[in-house]
N, C-alpha and C. Protein backbone atom coordinates (compact mmCIF):
# COMPACT_ATOMS: atom_id res chain seq x y z
N MET A 1 -17.52 2.21 15.45
CA MET A 1 -17.39 1.23 14.21
C MET A 1 -16.25 1.58 13.45
N GLY A 2 -15.35 0.36 13.63
CA GLY A 2 -14.03 -0.10 12.78
C GLY A 2 -14.77 -0.08 11.34
N TYR A 3 -13.25 0.66 10.84
CA TYR A 3 -13.31 0.65 9.28
C TYR A 3 -11.75 -0.31 8.78
N THR A 4 -12.13 -0.77 8.31
CA THR A 4 -10.27 -0.87 7.18
C THR A 4 -9.49 0.19 6.34
N ILE A 5 -7.94 0.07 6.70
CA ILE A 5 -7.83 0.93 5.72
C ILE A 5 -7.87 1.27 4.30
N GLY A 6 -8.22 0.33 4.08
CA GLY A 6 -9.03 0.65 2.28
C GLY A 6 -10.17 1.87 1.80
N ALA A 7 -10.87 1.03 3.64
CA ALA A 7 -12.00 1.62 3.51
C ALA A 7 -12.16 3.32 3.55
N LEU A 8 -10.97 3.30 4.61
CA LEU A 8 -10.52 5.12 4.24
C LEU A 8 -10.34 5.51 3.70
N ILE A 9 -9.46 5.21 2.88
CA ILE A 9 -8.76 5.57 1.78
C ILE A 9 -10.14 6.03 1.14
N ASP A 10 -10.70 4.96 0.12
CA ASP A 10 -12.34 5.31 -0.25
C ASP A 10 -12.66 6.39 0.32
N ARG A 11 -13.02 6.81 2.06
CA ARG A 11 -13.90 7.17 2.22
C ARG A 11 -13.15 9.00 2.68
N ALA A 12 -12.15 8.50 2.43
CA ALA A 12 -11.32 10.15 2.54
C ALA A 12 -11.45 10.28 1.29
N ALA A 13 -10.83 10.01 -0.28
CA ALA A 13 -11.37 10.57 -1.53
C ALA A 13 -12.59 10.76 -1.86
N ALA A 14 -13.16 9.90 -1.29
CA ALA A 14 -14.13 10.64 -1.19
C ALA A 14 -14.99 11.72 -0.48
N ALA A 15 -14.45 12.18 -0.16
CA ALA A 15 -14.30 13.23 1.51
C ALA A 15 -14.41 14.62 0.32
N ASP A 16 -13.37 14.71 -0.21
CA ASP A 16 -12.79 16.03 -0.84
C ASP A 16 -11.58 15.32 -2.06
N PRO A 17 -11.86 15.18 -2.76
CA PRO A 17 -11.14 13.87 -4.07
C PRO A 17 -9.29 15.23 -3.94
N ALA A 18 -9.98 16.39 -4.27
CA ALA A 18 -8.86 16.88 -5.12
C ALA A 18 -7.95 17.54 -2.97
N ARG A 19 -8.72 17.43 -1.99
CA ARG A 19 -6.70 17.33 -1.38
C ARG A 19 -6.05 16.74 -1.92
N VAL A 20 -4.71 17.31 -1.33
CA VAL A 20 -3.42 16.59 -1.35
C VAL A 20 -3.16 15.66 -0.14
N ALA A 21 -2.85 14.04 -0.55
CA ALA A 21 -2.70 13.21 -0.01
C ALA A 21 -1.00 12.88 0.78
N LEU A 22 -0.58 12.64 -0.52
CA LEU A 22 0.82 12.15 -0.48
C LEU A 22 1.77 13.28 -0.96
N VAL A 23 2.92 13.19 -0.78
CA VAL A 23 3.51 14.20 -1.15
C VAL A 23 5.06 13.61 -0.39
N GLY A 24 6.13 13.77 -1.88
CA GLY A 24 7.60 12.98 -2.42
C GLY A 24 8.12 13.78 -2.59
N ASP A 25 9.63 13.29 -2.62
CA ASP A 25 10.49 14.73 -3.70
C ASP A 25 10.33 14.54 -4.98
N HIS A 26 9.34 13.43 -5.54
CA HIS A 26 8.90 13.19 -7.27
C HIS A 26 7.28 12.75 -7.51
N VAL A 27 6.80 13.50 -5.86
CA VAL A 27 5.10 12.65 -6.43
C VAL A 27 4.22 13.67 -6.15
N ARG A 28 3.49 13.66 -6.08
CA ARG A 28 2.57 14.83 -4.91
C ARG A 28 1.13 14.17 -5.68
N LEU A 29 0.67 13.51 -5.09
CA LEU A 29 -0.89 12.75 -5.11
C LEU A 29 -2.09 13.32 -4.73
N THR A 30 -3.59 13.84 -5.03
CA THR A 30 -4.39 14.15 -4.10
C THR A 30 -5.15 12.99 -3.73
N ARG A 31 -6.19 12.94 -3.29
CA ARG A 31 -6.76 12.14 -1.88
C ARG A 31 -6.90 10.79 -3.07
N ALA A 32 -7.63 10.92 -4.59
CA ALA A 32 -8.44 10.59 -5.50
C ALA A 32 -7.01 9.55 -6.70
N GLU A 33 -6.38 10.31 -6.14
CA GLU A 33 -4.76 9.97 -6.83
C GLU A 33 -4.28 8.67 -5.96
N LEU A 34 -4.27 8.50 -5.08
CA LEU A 34 -3.50 7.76 -3.89
C LEU A 34 -4.64 6.48 -4.21
N ARG A 35 -5.83 6.81 -3.90
CA ARG A 35 -7.03 5.53 -3.52
C ARG A 35 -6.84 4.93 -5.73
N GLU A 36 -6.54 6.11 -6.09
CA GLU A 36 -6.63 4.79 -7.53
C GLU A 36 -5.38 4.35 -7.79
N TYR A 37 -4.32 5.07 -7.48
CA TYR A 37 -3.35 3.62 -7.46
C TYR A 37 -2.37 2.49 -6.69
N VAL A 38 -3.51 3.06 -5.28
CA VAL A 38 -3.92 2.28 -4.39
C VAL A 38 -4.62 0.73 -5.34
N ASN A 39 -5.88 1.17 -5.23
CA ASN A 39 -6.46 0.12 -6.48
C ASN A 39 -6.28 -1.05 -7.49
N ARG A 40 -5.43 0.37 -8.49
CA ARG A 40 -4.45 -0.81 -9.19
C ARG A 40 -3.73 -1.80 -8.86
N LEU A 41 -3.07 -1.36 -7.46
CA LEU A 41 -2.05 -1.68 -7.48
C LEU A 41 -2.82 -3.11 -6.30
N ALA A 42 -4.13 -2.87 -5.58
CA ALA A 42 -4.89 -4.15 -5.16
C ALA A 42 -5.04 -5.28 -6.48
N THR A 43 -5.84 -4.82 -6.97
CA THR A 43 -6.38 -5.82 -8.52
C THR A 43 -5.36 -6.17 -9.05
N GLY A 44 -3.86 -5.40 -8.99
CA GLY A 44 -2.81 -6.65 -9.18
C GLY A 44 -2.13 -6.85 -8.65
N LEU A 45 -2.04 -6.87 -7.49
CA LEU A 45 -1.71 -7.66 -6.47
C LEU A 45 -2.93 -9.43 -6.49
N LEU A 46 -4.07 -9.29 -6.49
CA LEU A 46 -5.17 -10.20 -7.04
C LEU A 46 -4.95 -11.48 -8.30
N ARG A 47 -4.30 -10.05 -8.94
CA ARG A 47 -4.07 -11.21 -10.53
C ARG A 47 -3.29 -12.39 -10.08
N LEU A 48 -2.52 -11.58 -9.50
CA LEU A 48 -1.22 -12.51 -8.76
C LEU A 48 -1.27 -13.73 -8.20
N GLY A 49 -2.43 -13.72 -7.58
CA GLY A 49 -2.69 -15.11 -7.03
C GLY A 49 -2.92 -14.11 -6.14
N ILE A 50 -2.49 -13.00 -5.28
CA ILE A 50 -2.60 -12.69 -3.44
C ILE A 50 -3.56 -12.57 -3.02
N GLN A 51 -4.14 -13.74 -1.56
CA GLN A 51 -4.80 -13.42 -1.52
C GLN A 51 -5.04 -12.58 0.50
N LYS A 52 -6.71 -12.54 0.65
CA LYS A 52 -6.73 -12.21 2.16
C LYS A 52 -6.55 -12.86 3.29
N GLY A 53 -5.71 -12.88 4.16
CA GLY A 53 -4.71 -13.66 5.15
C GLY A 53 -2.93 -13.71 4.24
N ASP A 54 -2.81 -13.67 3.38
CA ASP A 54 -1.66 -13.85 2.37
C ASP A 54 -0.89 -13.44 3.30
N ALA A 55 0.73 -13.60 3.71
CA ALA A 55 2.16 -12.28 4.98
C ALA A 55 2.85 -11.92 3.33
N VAL A 56 2.95 -11.09 3.35
CA VAL A 56 3.21 -10.38 1.74
C VAL A 56 4.80 -9.61 2.28
N LEU A 57 5.94 -10.18 2.02
CA LEU A 57 6.97 -9.62 2.73
C LEU A 57 7.62 -7.89 2.16
N LEU A 58 7.40 -6.84 1.99
CA LEU A 58 7.45 -5.48 1.86
C LEU A 58 8.85 -4.72 2.41
N GLN A 59 9.79 -4.98 1.42
CA GLN A 59 10.97 -4.94 1.35
C GLN A 59 11.22 -3.08 0.19
N LEU A 60 10.11 -2.48 1.01
CA LEU A 60 10.48 -0.85 0.00
C LEU A 60 11.53 0.05 0.62
N PRO A 61 11.78 1.00 -0.13
CA PRO A 61 13.00 2.30 0.85
C PRO A 61 11.27 3.34 0.95
N ASN A 62 12.12 4.46 1.51
CA ASN A 62 10.41 5.05 2.36
C ASN A 62 10.20 6.00 1.98
N TRP A 63 9.38 5.60 -0.14
CA TRP A 63 9.66 6.07 -1.47
C TRP A 63 6.83 5.76 -1.01
N ALA A 64 7.45 6.82 -1.70
CA ALA A 64 5.60 7.17 -2.60
C ALA A 64 5.37 5.21 -2.82
N GLU A 65 6.36 4.79 -4.13
CA GLU A 65 5.56 2.81 -3.91
C GLU A 65 5.82 2.23 -2.60
N PHE A 66 6.75 2.42 -1.89
CA PHE A 66 6.26 2.12 -0.36
C PHE A 66 5.11 2.05 0.64
N VAL A 67 3.78 3.51 0.77
CA VAL A 67 3.05 2.89 0.63
C VAL A 67 1.61 2.99 -0.21
N TYR A 68 1.94 2.99 -1.74
CA TYR A 68 0.80 2.17 -2.13
C TYR A 68 0.91 1.29 -2.58
N SER A 69 1.88 0.36 -1.96
CA SER A 69 1.73 -0.98 -1.73
C SER A 69 1.68 -1.61 -0.36
N TYR A 70 1.73 -1.14 0.56
CA TYR A 70 1.24 -0.66 2.04
C TYR A 70 -0.30 -1.03 2.45
N PHE A 71 -0.87 0.19 1.32
CA PHE A 71 -2.36 0.60 1.39
C PHE A 71 -3.16 -0.43 0.61
N ALA A 72 -2.68 -1.04 -0.75
CA ALA A 72 -2.98 -2.31 -1.90
C ALA A 72 -3.30 -3.59 -0.82
N LEU A 73 -1.92 -3.88 0.17
CA LEU A 73 -1.99 -4.88 0.63
C LEU A 73 -3.43 -5.49 2.02
N GLN A 74 -3.14 -3.52 2.84
CA GLN A 74 -4.12 -3.95 3.65
C GLN A 74 -5.64 -3.67 2.85
N LYS A 75 -5.66 -3.42 1.33
CA LYS A 75 -7.38 -3.11 0.94
C LYS A 75 -7.73 -4.73 1.10
N ILE A 76 -6.83 -5.50 0.66
CA ILE A 76 -6.94 -6.71 0.24
C ILE A 76 -7.37 -8.09 1.24
N GLY A 77 -7.12 -6.97 2.29
CA GLY A 77 -6.77 -8.24 3.34
C GLY A 77 -5.69 -8.71 3.36
N ALA A 78 -4.47 -8.93 2.82
CA ALA A 78 -3.33 -9.39 3.23
C ALA A 78 -2.46 -8.86 4.02
N VAL A 79 -1.32 -9.69 5.13
CA VAL A 79 -0.81 -9.25 5.59
C VAL A 79 1.34 -8.70 4.88
N PRO A 80 1.07 -7.01 4.75
CA PRO A 80 1.90 -6.67 4.87
C PRO A 80 3.28 -6.73 6.26
N VAL A 81 4.24 -7.76 5.59
CA VAL A 81 5.62 -8.33 6.84
C VAL A 81 6.61 -7.14 6.15
N LEU A 82 6.67 -6.07 7.16
CA LEU A 82 7.75 -5.49 7.07
C LEU A 82 9.56 -5.97 6.64
N LEU A 83 10.07 -4.77 6.56
CA LEU A 83 11.48 -5.65 6.21
C LEU A 83 12.15 -4.12 6.35
N ILE A 84 13.59 -3.63 6.52
CA ILE A 84 13.86 -2.60 6.51
C ILE A 84 15.18 -2.33 5.27
N SER A 85 14.22 -1.45 4.41
CA SER A 85 15.25 -1.96 2.68
C SER A 85 16.24 -2.37 2.75
N GLY A 86 17.51 -1.93 3.83
CA GLY A 86 18.58 -2.39 3.88
C GLY A 86 19.05 -3.73 3.63
N TYR A 87 18.12 -4.76 3.90
CA TYR A 87 18.36 -6.20 4.28
C TYR A 87 18.83 -6.79 3.22
N ARG A 88 20.25 -7.68 3.50
CA ARG A 88 20.31 -7.88 2.38
C ARG A 88 20.03 -9.60 2.59
N GLN A 89 20.40 -10.79 1.23
CA GLN A 89 19.41 -11.25 1.28
C GLN A 89 20.33 -12.42 2.58
N VAL A 90 21.12 -12.22 2.99
CA VAL A 90 21.61 -12.97 4.34
C VAL A 90 20.50 -12.56 5.57
N GLU A 91 19.96 -11.86 5.51
CA GLU A 91 19.01 -11.39 6.18
C GLU A 91 18.10 -11.67 6.40
N VAL A 92 17.30 -12.05 4.85
CA VAL A 92 15.92 -12.29 4.51
C VAL A 92 15.52 -13.30 4.74
N ASP A 93 16.75 -14.56 4.36
CA ASP A 93 16.92 -15.74 4.31
C ASP A 93 16.62 -16.05 6.04
N HIS A 94 17.60 -15.44 6.75
CA HIS A 94 17.68 -15.52 8.45
C HIS A 94 15.76 -15.79 8.80
N LEU A 95 15.72 -14.88 8.28
CA LEU A 95 13.68 -14.38 8.93
C LEU A 95 12.90 -15.26 7.75
């Protein structure tokens, strides 16, 4: 039985909403809080016109925002295209 990443986030938050899911330098989120961040960003991405199957460049450092963005893209069925955060415009243009 397969699950999408979005469904797994929802299930984990429903099963144990108070359990810590994400810890970073300036953030500590429970499963329920992480789900809320991901859902809000997913909604915003859909409003911007990003749709299931769209490839979306994701170029962020190893921050909490990377996690929200990656999971939100997965949740709506978009395809995250991961780039190293240090790439400059010349490398991005080449890709």
